[in-house]
Amino acid sequence: MIVAVDAKIANAPSSLPEEKSVQFRHAFLRVAPSMFLGALDQTIIAAALPAIAGSLGGLSYLAWIVTAYLLNSHGASNFLYVRRS
């Protein structure tokens, strides 16, 4: 029995980097799409912001536009409009 335990310990360090690599790939593949969509969303909003501010009457509403976007994108609007039972 001692030999079997020693064999497992001897094999453990060589399998550890493979396991960490697999875990990293799984984590990366789960996080990368959301990071991409977040960056894409920010790019679209940054490009559209001058047109939105212009249609509302000028850059004086810029703070309101950004605040409304941030509240909506972070789910605060869901909290505000949820019907309470």
Protein backbone atom coordinates (compact mmCIF):
# COMPACT_ATOMS: atom_id res chain seq x y z
CA MET A 1 0.00 0.00 0.00
CA ILE A 2 2.76 2.46 0.74
CA VAL A 3 4.16 1.94 -2.74
CA ALA A 4 0.77 2.78 -4.32
CA VAL A 5 0.50 6.01 -2.31
CA ASP A 6 4.06 6.94 -3.26
CA ALA A 7 3.24 6.27 -6.93
CA LYS A 8 0.25 8.62 -6.74
CA ILE A 9 2.36 11.33 -5.13
CA ALA A 10 5.07 10.87 -7.74
CA ASN A 11 2.56 11.22 -10.58
CA ALA A 12 0.69 14.19 -9.06
CA PRO A 13 3.12 17.01 -9.98
CA SER A 14 3.21 16.02 -13.66
CA SER A 15 -0.61 16.04 -13.95
CA LEU A 16 -0.99 19.31 -12.02
CA PRO A 17 0.03 21.66 -14.87
CA GLU A 18 -2.33 19.85 -17.26
CA GLU A 19 -5.20 20.21 -14.82
CA LYS A 20 -4.49 23.92 -14.31
CA SER A 21 -4.33 24.40 -18.06
CA VAL A 22 -7.71 22.74 -18.53
CA GLN A 23 -9.22 24.82 -15.71
CA PHE A 24 -7.81 28.00 -17.25
CA ARG A 25 -9.27 27.14 -20.65
CA HIS A 26 -12.69 26.48 -19.16
CA ALA A 27 -12.64 29.73 -17.20
CA PHE A 28 -11.39 31.72 -20.18
CA LEU A 29 -14.04 30.33 -22.51
CA ARG A 30 -16.74 31.30 -20.01
CA VAL A 31 -15.45 34.83 -19.36
CA ALA A 32 -14.26 35.84 -22.85
CA PRO A 33 -17.69 36.08 -24.55
CA SER A 34 -19.09 38.38 -21.86
CA MET A 35 -15.97 40.55 -22.00
CA PHE A 36 -16.32 40.77 -25.78
CA LEU A 37 -20.00 41.70 -25.61
CA GLY A 38 -19.32 44.31 -22.94
CA ALA A 39 -16.57 45.89 -25.02
CA LEU A 40 -18.76 45.83 -28.12
CA ASP A 41 -21.63 47.46 -26.24
CA GLN A 42 -19.37 50.22 -24.91
CA THR A 43 -18.01 50.85 -28.41
CA ILE A 44 -21.50 51.20 -29.87
CA ILE A 45 -22.64 53.54 -27.12
CA ALA A 46 -19.50 55.69 -27.38
CA ALA A 47 -20.07 56.07 -31.13
CA ALA A 48 -23.79 56.86 -30.76
CA LEU A 49 -23.50 59.22 -27.79
CA PRO A 50 -23.00 62.46 -29.77
CA ALA A 51 -26.02 61.69 -31.97
CA ILE A 52 -28.18 60.87 -28.95
CA ALA A 53 -27.12 64.06 -27.15
CA GLY A 54 -27.74 66.10 -30.31
CA SER A 55 -31.25 64.75 -30.73
CA LEU A 56 -32.07 65.60 -27.10
CA GLY A 57 -30.97 69.20 -27.44
CA GLY A 58 -27.26 69.41 -26.76
CA LEU A 59 -24.40 68.23 -24.62
CA SER A 60 -26.00 69.61 -21.47
CA TYR A 61 -27.93 66.32 -21.23
CA LEU A 62 -24.81 64.18 -21.54
CA ALA A 63 -24.67 63.37 -17.81
CA TRP A 64 -28.32 62.30 -17.86
CA ILE A 65 -27.77 60.08 -20.89
CA VAL A 66 -24.75 58.37 -19.35
CA THR A 67 -26.55 57.90 -16.03
CA ALA A 68 -29.61 56.41 -17.73
CA TYR A 69 -27.42 54.05 -19.75
CA LEU A 70 -25.45 52.89 -16.71
CA LEU A 71 -28.59 52.32 -14.64
CA ASN A 72 -30.18 50.36 -17.45
CA SER A 73 -27.10 48.31 -18.29
CA HIS A 74 -26.53 47.29 -14.68
CA GLY A 75 -30.07 46.15 -14.06
CA ALA A 76 -31.26 49.00 -11.86
CA SER A 77 -34.23 49.60 -14.15
CA ASN A 78 -35.40 46.05 -13.45
CA PHE A 79 -35.33 46.81 -9.76
CA LEU A 80 -37.25 50.05 -10.21
CA TYR A 81 -40.05 48.61 -12.33
CA VAL A 82 -40.60 45.21 -10.73
CA ARG A 83 -44.12 44.76 -9.41
CA ARG A 84 -44.16 43.96 -5.77
CA SER A 85 -46.62 41.40 -4.49
